Amino acid sequence: MQKSIASLIFLFCVLCASTLIAQPGPPIPGGPPCGGPFGAACPIDGGVSLLIAAGVAYGGKKSYDLSRKRQ
């Protein structure tokens, strides 16, 4: 039983790896959107603004802790 489970897991991993390593398809006619020299444009979405907000909040907390420690 253990050998069959191990062989199924191995087979699944090999099939997943071969899918991940597969070559990309032919390029889409018409070129990349926005005509960028490095390929398709990557929109900067809400993730970057959340990271910036988290950094500002963390810096404010550290500054507040430092000012409380000095008093």
Protein backbone atom coordinates (compact mmCIF):
# COMPACT_ATOMS: atom_id res chain seq x y z
CA MET A 1 0.00 0.00 0.00
CA GLN A 2 2.78 2.43 0.89
CA LYS A 3 4.61 1.73 -2.35
CA SER A 4 1.51 2.50 -4.41
CA ILE A 5 0.89 5.76 -2.52
CA ALA A 6 4.55 6.74 -2.92
CA SER A 7 4.46 5.97 -6.65
CA LEU A 8 1.26 8.00 -7.11
CA ILE A 9 2.79 10.96 -5.28
CA PHE A 10 5.93 10.68 -7.42
CA LEU A 11 3.88 10.50 -10.61
CA PHE A 12 1.84 13.53 -9.55
CA CYS A 13 5.01 15.53 -8.82
CA VAL A 14 6.53 14.61 -12.19
CA LEU A 15 3.37 15.61 -14.04
CA CYS A 16 3.16 18.93 -12.16
CA ALA A 17 6.83 19.67 -12.83
CA SER A 18 6.48 18.95 -16.53
CA THR A 19 3.51 21.32 -16.70
CA LEU A 20 5.42 24.08 -14.94
CA ILE A 21 8.47 23.73 -17.16
CA ALA A 22 6.46 23.66 -20.41
CA GLN A 23 7.38 26.17 -23.09
CA PRO A 24 5.10 29.19 -23.56
CA GLY A 25 2.80 29.33 -26.56
CA PRO A 26 3.27 31.50 -29.61
CA PRO A 27 3.07 35.27 -29.12
CA ILE A 28 -0.28 36.98 -29.43
CA PRO A 29 -0.65 38.84 -32.74
CA GLY A 30 -0.54 42.58 -32.40
CA GLY A 31 2.28 42.77 -29.88
CA PRO A 32 2.17 43.57 -26.19
CA PRO A 33 -0.36 46.05 -24.82
CA CYS A 34 0.94 49.60 -24.47
CA GLY A 35 3.90 48.72 -26.72
CA GLY A 36 6.39 48.46 -23.87
CA PRO A 37 9.95 47.43 -24.72
CA PHE A 38 10.00 44.81 -21.94
CA GLY A 39 6.75 43.05 -22.77
CA ALA A 40 3.29 43.49 -21.34
CA ALA A 41 2.67 46.37 -18.99
CA CYS A 42 2.38 45.45 -15.31
CA PRO A 43 -0.17 47.58 -13.49
CA ILE A 44 0.77 48.83 -10.04
CA ASP A 45 -2.32 48.05 -8.05
CA GLY A 46 -3.47 48.36 -4.45
CA GLY A 47 -0.75 46.03 -3.19
CA VAL A 48 1.97 48.65 -3.44
CA SER A 49 -0.13 51.25 -1.65
CA LEU A 50 -0.84 48.74 1.14
CA LEU A 51 2.87 48.07 1.52
CA ILE A 52 3.62 51.79 1.70
CA ALA A 53 0.86 52.32 4.27
CA ALA A 54 2.19 49.43 6.36
CA GLY A 55 5.70 50.92 6.23
CA VAL A 56 4.43 54.34 7.33
CA ALA A 57 2.44 52.76 10.17
CA TYR A 58 5.44 50.71 11.30
CA GLY A 59 7.73 53.76 11.20
CA GLY A 60 5.19 55.80 13.16
CA LYS A 61 4.91 53.08 15.80
CA LYS A 62 8.69 52.86 16.14
CA SER A 63 8.95 56.65 16.42
CA TYR A 64 6.20 56.73 19.04
CA ASP A 65 7.86 53.95 21.06
CA LEU A 66 11.20 55.75 20.91
CA SER A 67 9.70 59.04 22.09
CA ARG A 68 7.87 57.26 24.97
CA LYS A 69 11.12 55.51 25.96
CA ARG A 70 13.03 58.82 26.17
CA GLN A 71 10.48 60.37 28.55
